[in-house]
Amino acid sequence: MFAGDGTPGVYMVGIEVLNIGVRPFHVSSVGWRTGWLWRGPKVLQYRFAIQNTSVMLNQKGGPHIVEPGRNEGFYTQIADMKQANYEASRAEMFKRKLPILGEAPIRAMVNITGRKPLMVKVSKELAYFLRTGEHAGTTDENGLTNTAPGKV
C-alpha cells in the first residue's frame, strides 16, 4: 500500500548544487550550453542561455549562498518550462543538428562567483524534452500534448 491522495505526480527539471568545500560560495545563475566549440565557424560555436527565474519554484533574488556541507536546488515544473520556452527559442538553442556531428550536446551550467562555470551533461530524457518540448508531464490522460492557452 502506498500513501498519497491518488493525484498524478509533478514532473520537474532540477539542478542541485552541493558545497563539499570548507567555504561558502555564491551561485549567481543556472542555465544551459549547447554546441561543439568555443571558436571556429559560427554554426559550431557554443550558445548559452540563463534559466528563466520567473518559472522557478525558488524565486530568490540575487546570488544564492551555499554554505559548506549544504546544497541548493533550482527547480522548475516541466509544464511551466514548456510554456516559457516557445518553439522559436527552443529551435535556436536546442535543436541544432549537423549531418556528421549529429545533435548539439546540451550541458546544464551553474555560474559560481569567482570561478569558471560548472558544466554537467544532461540526461537523454531531459535533452529530448529541451529539444522537442514533449514529456509525459506535459500530456493529458488521452496522451495528447498540452499546450499553453492560445498556443498550438
N, C-alpha and C. Protein backbone atom coordinates (compact mmCIF):
# COMPACT_ATOMS: atom_id res chain seq x y z
N MET A 1 0.85 -1.17 0.00
CA MET A 1 0.00 0.00 0.00
C MET A 1 0.90 1.24 0.00
N PHE A 2 0.50 2.24 -0.76
CA PHE A 2 1.25 3.48 -0.86
C PHE A 2 0.43 4.64 -0.30
N ALA A 3 1.08 5.51 0.41
CA ALA A 3 0.40 6.69 0.94
C ALA A 3 0.28 7.72 -0.16
N GLY A 4 -0.77 8.50 -0.14
CA GLY A 4 -0.98 9.54 -1.14
C GLY A 4 -2.44 9.69 -1.44
N ASP A 5 -2.78 10.76 -2.13
CA ASP A 5 -4.18 11.02 -2.41
C ASP A 5 -4.59 10.62 -3.83
N GLY A 6 -3.70 9.98 -4.58
CA GLY A 6 -4.05 9.49 -5.90
C GLY A 6 -3.87 10.49 -7.03
N THR A 7 -3.45 11.71 -6.70
CA THR A 7 -3.23 12.69 -7.76
C THR A 7 -1.93 12.36 -8.48
N PRO A 8 -1.86 12.69 -9.77
CA PRO A 8 -0.64 12.39 -10.52
C PRO A 8 0.55 13.21 -10.00
N GLY A 9 1.73 12.64 -10.15
CA GLY A 9 2.94 13.33 -9.72
C GLY A 9 3.24 14.55 -10.58
N VAL A 10 4.11 15.40 -10.08
CA VAL A 10 4.52 16.60 -10.80
C VAL A 10 5.95 16.39 -11.27
N TYR A 11 6.16 16.50 -12.59
CA TYR A 11 7.50 16.34 -13.15
C TYR A 11 8.23 17.67 -13.07
N MET A 12 9.52 17.60 -12.73
CA MET A 12 10.32 18.82 -12.60
C MET A 12 11.69 18.63 -13.23
N VAL A 13 12.27 19.76 -13.65
CA VAL A 13 13.68 19.81 -14.03
C VAL A 13 14.39 20.43 -12.83
N GLY A 14 15.42 19.76 -12.35
CA GLY A 14 16.12 20.26 -11.18
C GLY A 14 17.62 20.25 -11.37
N ILE A 15 18.25 21.28 -10.83
CA ILE A 15 19.71 21.36 -10.79
C ILE A 15 20.08 21.53 -9.32
N GLU A 16 20.79 20.53 -8.77
CA GLU A 16 21.22 20.56 -7.37
C GLU A 16 22.69 20.93 -7.30
N VAL A 17 23.02 21.85 -6.41
CA VAL A 17 24.40 22.27 -6.22
C VAL A 17 24.78 21.93 -4.78
N LEU A 18 25.84 21.12 -4.60
CA LEU A 18 26.29 20.70 -3.28
C LEU A 18 27.67 21.30 -3.01
N ASN A 19 27.83 21.92 -1.87
CA ASN A 19 29.11 22.50 -1.48
C ASN A 19 29.86 21.49 -0.61
N ILE A 20 30.90 20.86 -1.17
CA ILE A 20 31.70 19.90 -0.40
C ILE A 20 32.98 20.54 0.12
N GLY A 21 33.11 21.85 -0.08
CA GLY A 21 34.29 22.57 0.36
C GLY A 21 34.16 23.04 1.80
N VAL A 22 35.08 23.92 2.21
CA VAL A 22 35.09 24.44 3.57
C VAL A 22 34.66 25.91 3.64
N ARG A 23 34.43 26.54 2.50
CA ARG A 23 33.98 27.93 2.47
C ARG A 23 32.67 28.04 1.69
N PRO A 24 31.84 28.99 2.06
CA PRO A 24 30.61 29.18 1.28
C PRO A 24 30.92 29.76 -0.10
N PHE A 25 30.03 29.53 -1.06
CA PHE A 25 30.17 30.16 -2.37
C PHE A 25 28.81 30.68 -2.82
N HIS A 26 28.84 31.55 -3.83
CA HIS A 26 27.64 32.19 -4.35
C HIS A 26 27.31 31.65 -5.74
N VAL A 27 26.11 31.12 -5.90
CA VAL A 27 25.62 30.70 -7.22
C VAL A 27 24.86 31.90 -7.79
N SER A 28 25.39 32.46 -8.87
CA SER A 28 24.76 33.65 -9.44
C SER A 28 23.63 33.30 -10.40
N SER A 29 23.72 32.15 -11.10
CA SER A 29 22.66 31.75 -12.02
C SER A 29 22.87 30.31 -12.46
N VAL A 30 21.83 29.73 -13.01
CA VAL A 30 21.91 28.42 -13.65
C VAL A 30 21.36 28.57 -15.06
N GLY A 31 21.82 27.69 -15.95
CA GLY A 31 21.37 27.80 -17.33
C GLY A 31 21.82 26.63 -18.16
N TRP A 32 22.00 26.88 -19.47
CA TRP A 32 22.26 25.82 -20.44
C TRP A 32 23.33 26.25 -21.42
N ARG A 33 24.06 25.26 -21.94
CA ARG A 33 25.03 25.49 -23.00
C ARG A 33 24.84 24.41 -24.06
N THR A 34 24.80 24.81 -25.32
CA THR A 34 24.75 23.85 -26.42
C THR A 34 25.84 24.18 -27.42
N GLY A 35 26.20 23.24 -28.24
CA GLY A 35 27.20 23.47 -29.28
C GLY A 35 28.41 22.58 -29.13
N TRP A 36 29.39 22.81 -30.02
CA TRP A 36 30.55 21.93 -30.09
C TRP A 36 31.86 22.62 -29.75
N LEU A 37 32.06 23.90 -30.12
CA LEU A 37 33.36 24.55 -29.99
C LEU A 37 33.25 25.96 -29.40
N TRP A 38 34.34 26.40 -28.71
CA TRP A 38 34.42 27.79 -28.24
C TRP A 38 34.61 28.73 -29.42
N ARG A 39 35.46 28.32 -30.37
CA ARG A 39 35.78 29.16 -31.53
C ARG A 39 35.57 28.36 -32.79
N GLY A 40 35.66 29.06 -33.90
CA GLY A 40 35.50 28.39 -35.17
C GLY A 40 34.26 28.89 -35.89
N PRO A 41 33.77 28.11 -36.84
CA PRO A 41 32.58 28.53 -37.58
C PRO A 41 31.40 28.77 -36.62
N LYS A 42 30.62 29.79 -36.92
CA LYS A 42 29.51 30.18 -36.05
C LYS A 42 28.53 29.03 -35.79
N VAL A 43 28.32 28.20 -36.79
CA VAL A 43 27.37 27.09 -36.65
C VAL A 43 27.84 26.07 -35.60
N LEU A 44 29.14 26.00 -35.33
CA LEU A 44 29.69 25.05 -34.36
C LEU A 44 29.89 25.65 -32.97
N GLN A 45 29.81 26.96 -32.85
CA GLN A 45 30.13 27.62 -31.58
C GLN A 45 29.06 27.35 -30.52
N TYR A 46 29.52 27.45 -29.26
CA TYR A 46 28.61 27.29 -28.13
C TYR A 46 27.57 28.40 -28.13
N ARG A 47 26.39 28.07 -27.62
CA ARG A 47 25.35 29.06 -27.33
C ARG A 47 24.97 28.87 -25.87
N PHE A 48 24.68 29.98 -25.22
CA PHE A 48 24.38 29.97 -23.80
C PHE A 48 23.00 30.55 -23.53
N ALA A 49 22.33 30.04 -22.49
CA ALA A 49 21.04 30.57 -22.06
C ALA A 49 20.96 30.47 -20.55
N ILE A 50 20.47 31.52 -19.92
CA ILE A 50 20.25 31.52 -18.48
C ILE A 50 18.81 31.05 -18.24
N GLN A 51 18.62 30.16 -17.28
CA GLN A 51 17.28 29.66 -16.97
C GLN A 51 16.41 30.81 -16.48
N ASN A 52 15.22 30.89 -17.03
CA ASN A 52 14.25 31.92 -16.67
C ASN A 52 13.84 31.72 -15.21
N THR A 53 14.14 32.70 -14.35
CA THR A 53 13.84 32.55 -12.92
C THR A 53 12.37 32.75 -12.60
N SER A 54 11.59 33.32 -13.53
CA SER A 54 10.18 33.56 -13.23
C SER A 54 9.38 32.26 -13.16
N VAL A 55 9.90 31.17 -13.75
CA VAL A 55 9.19 29.89 -13.68
C VAL A 55 9.81 28.94 -12.66
N MET A 56 10.84 29.38 -11.95
CA MET A 56 11.46 28.52 -10.94
C MET A 56 10.65 28.53 -9.66
N LEU A 57 10.72 27.43 -8.92
CA LEU A 57 9.96 27.31 -7.69
C LEU A 57 10.58 28.09 -6.54
N ASN A 58 11.90 28.31 -6.57
CA ASN A 58 12.56 29.07 -5.51
C ASN A 58 13.07 30.39 -6.11
N GLN A 59 12.17 31.33 -6.28
CA GLN A 59 12.49 32.60 -6.94
C GLN A 59 13.10 33.59 -5.96
N LYS A 60 14.32 33.35 -5.55
CA LYS A 60 15.01 34.29 -4.68
C LYS A 60 15.84 35.22 -5.55
N GLY A 61 15.85 36.47 -5.20
CA GLY A 61 16.67 37.42 -5.94
C GLY A 61 18.12 37.35 -5.51
N GLY A 62 19.00 37.82 -6.38
CA GLY A 62 20.42 37.87 -6.05
C GLY A 62 21.08 36.52 -6.03
N PRO A 63 22.34 36.49 -5.67
CA PRO A 63 23.04 35.20 -5.64
C PRO A 63 22.55 34.32 -4.49
N HIS A 64 22.60 33.03 -4.73
CA HIS A 64 22.24 32.04 -3.71
C HIS A 64 23.52 31.64 -2.99
N ILE A 65 23.57 31.80 -1.70
CA ILE A 65 24.75 31.42 -0.92
C ILE A 65 24.60 29.96 -0.50
N VAL A 66 25.62 29.14 -0.84
CA VAL A 66 25.61 27.73 -0.48
C VAL A 66 26.70 27.52 0.57
N GLU A 67 26.28 27.23 1.79
CA GLU A 67 27.20 27.04 2.91
C GLU A 67 27.89 25.67 2.80
N PRO A 68 29.06 25.50 3.42
CA PRO A 68 29.77 24.21 3.38
C PRO A 68 28.88 23.07 3.91
N GLY A 69 28.88 21.96 3.18
CA GLY A 69 28.09 20.80 3.57
C GLY A 69 26.61 20.92 3.26
N ARG A 70 26.19 21.99 2.64
CA ARG A 70 24.78 22.21 2.31
C ARG A 70 24.58 22.14 0.80
N ASN A 71 23.33 22.04 0.39
CA ASN A 71 23.03 22.05 -1.02
C ASN A 71 21.93 23.06 -1.31
N GLU A 72 21.86 23.48 -2.54
CA GLU A 72 20.83 24.42 -3.01
C GLU A 72 20.24 23.82 -4.27
N GLY A 73 18.93 23.78 -4.35
CA GLY A 73 18.25 23.23 -5.51
C GLY A 73 17.56 24.31 -6.31
N PHE A 74 17.59 24.16 -7.62
CA PHE A 74 16.92 25.07 -8.55
C PHE A 74 15.95 24.21 -9.36
N TYR A 75 14.65 24.39 -9.13
CA TYR A 75 13.64 23.52 -9.72
C TYR A 75 12.63 24.30 -10.54
N THR A 76 12.20 23.68 -11.63
CA THR A 76 11.16 24.23 -12.49
C THR A 76 10.24 23.10 -12.90
N GLN A 77 8.93 23.33 -12.81
CA GLN A 77 8.00 22.30 -13.26
C GLN A 77 8.08 22.18 -14.77
N ILE A 78 8.02 20.94 -15.26
CA ILE A 78 8.11 20.66 -16.70
C ILE A 78 7.06 21.47 -17.48
N ALA A 79 5.83 21.48 -16.99
CA ALA A 79 4.76 22.18 -17.71
C ALA A 79 5.05 23.68 -17.80
N ASP A 80 5.55 24.28 -16.72
CA ASP A 80 5.89 25.71 -16.75
C ASP A 80 7.04 25.99 -17.70
N MET A 81 8.02 25.11 -17.70
CA MET A 81 9.17 25.29 -18.58
C MET A 81 8.76 25.18 -20.04
N LYS A 82 7.85 24.26 -20.34
CA LYS A 82 7.38 24.11 -21.71
C LYS A 82 6.68 25.37 -22.18
N GLN A 83 5.83 25.95 -21.34
CA GLN A 83 5.11 27.16 -21.71
C GLN A 83 6.05 28.35 -21.88
N ALA A 84 7.13 28.40 -21.10
CA ALA A 84 8.06 29.53 -21.17
C ALA A 84 9.00 29.43 -22.38
N ASN A 85 9.29 28.21 -22.85
CA ASN A 85 10.20 28.02 -23.99
C ASN A 85 9.40 27.85 -25.27
N TYR A 86 9.18 28.93 -25.97
CA TYR A 86 8.43 28.87 -27.22
C TYR A 86 9.26 28.20 -28.29
N GLU A 87 8.59 27.72 -29.32
CA GLU A 87 9.22 26.92 -30.37
C GLU A 87 10.41 27.62 -31.01
N ALA A 88 10.30 28.93 -31.26
CA ALA A 88 11.40 29.64 -31.93
C ALA A 88 12.66 29.65 -31.06
N SER A 89 12.53 29.92 -29.77
CA SER A 89 13.71 29.93 -28.90
C SER A 89 14.23 28.52 -28.67
N ARG A 90 13.34 27.53 -28.61
CA ARG A 90 13.76 26.14 -28.45
C ARG A 90 14.58 25.69 -29.66
N ALA A 91 14.10 26.02 -30.86
CA ALA A 91 14.80 25.62 -32.08
C ALA A 91 16.16 26.29 -32.17
N GLU A 92 16.24 27.56 -31.83
CA GLU A 92 17.50 28.29 -31.92
C GLU A 92 18.54 27.75 -30.93
N MET A 93 18.10 27.38 -29.75
CA MET A 93 19.03 26.96 -28.71
C MET A 93 19.31 25.45 -28.72
N PHE A 94 18.27 24.64 -28.79
CA PHE A 94 18.44 23.21 -28.51
C PHE A 94 18.33 22.28 -29.72
N LYS A 95 17.76 22.71 -30.83
CA LYS A 95 17.51 21.80 -31.96
C LYS A 95 18.61 21.81 -33.01
N ARG A 96 19.75 22.38 -32.73
CA ARG A 96 20.81 22.42 -33.72
C ARG A 96 21.31 21.01 -34.01
N LYS A 97 21.48 20.72 -35.31
CA LYS A 97 21.90 19.39 -35.73
C LYS A 97 22.71 19.52 -37.01
N LEU A 98 23.83 18.80 -37.07
CA LEU A 98 24.67 18.79 -38.26
C LEU A 98 24.75 17.37 -38.80
N PRO A 99 24.87 17.21 -40.13
CA PRO A 99 24.85 15.87 -40.73
C PRO A 99 25.87 14.90 -40.13
N ILE A 100 27.10 15.31 -39.96
CA ILE A 100 28.14 14.38 -39.48
C ILE A 100 28.20 14.33 -37.96
N LEU A 101 28.04 15.49 -37.31
CA LEU A 101 28.19 15.58 -35.86
C LEU A 101 26.93 15.18 -35.09
N GLY A 102 25.78 15.26 -35.73
CA GLY A 102 24.53 14.93 -35.05
C GLY A 102 24.00 16.13 -34.26
N GLU A 103 23.22 15.83 -33.22
CA GLU A 103 22.62 16.89 -32.41
C GLU A 103 23.65 17.53 -31.51
N ALA A 104 23.47 18.84 -31.29
CA ALA A 104 24.40 19.58 -30.43
C ALA A 104 24.30 19.06 -28.99
N PRO A 105 25.43 18.81 -28.34
CA PRO A 105 25.40 18.38 -26.94
C PRO A 105 24.79 19.47 -26.06
N ILE A 106 24.04 19.08 -25.04
CA ILE A 106 23.43 20.02 -24.11
C ILE A 106 24.04 19.80 -22.73
N ARG A 107 24.44 20.89 -22.11
CA ARG A 107 25.01 20.86 -20.76
C ARG A 107 24.24 21.79 -19.85
N ALA A 108 24.00 21.36 -18.61
CA ALA A 108 23.48 22.26 -17.59
C ALA A 108 24.66 23.07 -17.07
N MET A 109 24.43 24.34 -16.78
CA MET A 109 25.52 25.24 -16.41
C MET A 109 25.17 25.91 -15.08
N VAL A 110 26.13 25.93 -14.16
CA VAL A 110 25.97 26.62 -12.88
C VAL A 110 27.07 27.67 -12.80
N ASN A 111 26.66 28.93 -12.67
CA ASN A 111 27.63 30.04 -12.58
C ASN A 111 27.89 30.36 -11.12
N ILE A 112 29.14 30.16 -10.72
CA ILE A 112 29.57 30.42 -9.34
C ILE A 112 30.50 31.62 -9.36
N THR A 113 30.23 32.58 -8.49
CA THR A 113 31.03 33.80 -8.44
C THR A 113 32.49 33.47 -8.14
N GLY A 114 33.39 33.99 -8.97
CA GLY A 114 34.82 33.84 -8.72
C GLY A 114 35.45 32.60 -9.32
N ARG A 115 34.73 31.87 -10.14
CA ARG A 115 35.31 30.69 -10.78
C ARG A 115 34.62 30.43 -12.12
N LYS A 116 35.17 29.49 -12.88
CA LYS A 116 34.57 29.13 -14.17
C LYS A 116 33.22 28.46 -13.93
N PRO A 117 32.30 28.60 -14.89
CA PRO A 117 31.01 27.90 -14.74
C PRO A 117 31.21 26.38 -14.73
N LEU A 118 30.39 25.70 -13.95
CA LEU A 118 30.41 24.23 -13.92
C LEU A 118 29.44 23.72 -14.98
N MET A 119 29.88 22.75 -15.76
CA MET A 119 29.05 22.16 -16.82
C MET A 119 28.82 20.68 -16.52
N VAL A 120 27.58 20.25 -16.70
CA VAL A 120 27.21 18.85 -16.47
C VAL A 120 26.34 18.40 -17.64
N LYS A 121 26.66 17.23 -18.20
CA LYS A 121 25.86 16.68 -19.28
C LYS A 121 24.46 16.34 -18.76
N VAL A 122 23.44 16.66 -19.55
CA VAL A 122 22.07 16.35 -19.14
C VAL A 122 21.70 14.94 -19.60
N SER A 123 20.69 14.36 -18.97
CA SER A 123 20.24 13.02 -19.34
C SER A 123 19.60 13.04 -20.73
N LYS A 124 19.49 11.87 -21.34
CA LYS A 124 18.87 11.77 -22.67
C LYS A 124 17.42 12.22 -22.63
N GLU A 125 16.70 11.89 -21.56
CA GLU A 125 15.30 12.27 -21.43
C GLU A 125 15.16 13.79 -21.35
N LEU A 126 16.02 14.45 -20.57
CA LEU A 126 15.96 15.91 -20.46
C LEU A 126 16.36 16.56 -21.77
N ALA A 127 17.37 16.04 -22.44
CA ALA A 127 17.78 16.60 -23.74
C ALA A 127 16.63 16.49 -24.73
N TYR A 128 15.93 15.36 -24.74
CA TYR A 128 14.79 15.18 -25.63
C TYR A 128 13.70 16.22 -25.33
N PHE A 129 13.41 16.42 -24.05
CA PHE A 129 12.40 17.41 -23.68
C PHE A 129 12.83 18.82 -24.11
N LEU A 130 14.09 19.18 -23.87
CA LEU A 130 14.55 20.51 -24.24
C LEU A 130 14.47 20.73 -25.75
N ARG A 131 14.73 19.68 -26.53
CA ARG A 131 14.70 19.81 -27.99
C ARG A 131 13.28 19.83 -28.55
N THR A 132 12.37 19.06 -27.95
CA THR A 132 11.04 18.88 -28.54
C THR A 132 9.91 19.51 -27.73
N GLY A 133 10.10 19.68 -26.42
CA GLY A 133 9.01 20.16 -25.57
C GLY A 133 8.05 19.05 -25.19
N GLU A 134 8.37 17.81 -25.54
CA GLU A 134 7.48 16.68 -25.25
C GLU A 134 8.00 15.89 -24.05
N HIS A 135 7.08 15.61 -23.12
CA HIS A 135 7.41 14.84 -21.93
C HIS A 135 6.10 14.30 -21.36
N ALA A 136 6.18 13.20 -20.64
CA ALA A 136 4.98 12.60 -20.05
C ALA A 136 4.25 13.59 -19.14
N GLY A 137 4.98 14.51 -18.53
CA GLY A 137 4.37 15.51 -17.64
C GLY A 137 3.65 16.61 -18.38
N THR A 138 3.75 16.65 -19.71
CA THR A 138 3.05 17.69 -20.49
C THR A 138 1.97 17.11 -21.38
N THR A 139 1.56 15.87 -21.10
CA THR A 139 0.48 15.25 -21.86
C THR A 139 -0.71 15.03 -20.94
N ASP A 140 -1.90 15.01 -21.52
CA ASP A 140 -3.09 14.76 -20.71
C ASP A 140 -3.37 13.25 -20.64
N GLU A 141 -4.50 12.88 -20.02
CA GLU A 141 -4.79 11.46 -19.82
C GLU A 141 -5.04 10.71 -21.12
N ASN A 142 -5.31 11.42 -22.22
CA ASN A 142 -5.53 10.78 -23.52
C ASN A 142 -4.24 10.68 -24.34
N GLY A 143 -3.12 11.13 -23.76
CA GLY A 143 -1.85 11.07 -24.46
C GLY A 143 -1.64 12.24 -25.41
N LEU A 144 -2.50 13.26 -25.34
CA LEU A 144 -2.34 14.44 -26.19
C LEU A 144 -1.46 15.47 -25.50
N THR A 145 -0.66 16.15 -26.28
CA THR A 145 0.26 17.13 -25.73
C THR A 145 -0.52 18.36 -25.27
N ASN A 146 -0.29 18.77 -24.02
CA ASN A 146 -0.88 20.01 -23.51
C ASN A 146 -0.10 21.19 -24.04
N THR A 147 -0.77 22.25 -24.40
CA THR A 147 -0.10 23.45 -24.86
C THR A 147 -0.58 24.63 -24.05
N ALA A 148 0.18 25.70 -24.10
CA ALA A 148 -0.21 26.91 -23.40
C ALA A 148 -1.48 27.46 -24.03
N PRO A 149 -2.32 28.16 -23.27
CA PRO A 149 -3.54 28.72 -23.84
C PRO A 149 -3.20 29.62 -25.03
N GLY A 150 -3.89 29.39 -26.13
CA GLY A 150 -3.65 30.20 -27.32
C GLY A 150 -2.49 29.72 -28.17
N LYS A 151 -1.78 28.69 -27.75
CA LYS A 151 -0.65 28.16 -28.49
C LYS A 151 -1.03 26.83 -29.12
N VAL A 152 -0.45 26.53 -30.25
CA VAL A 152 -0.72 25.25 -30.92
C VAL A 152 0.56 24.46 -30.99
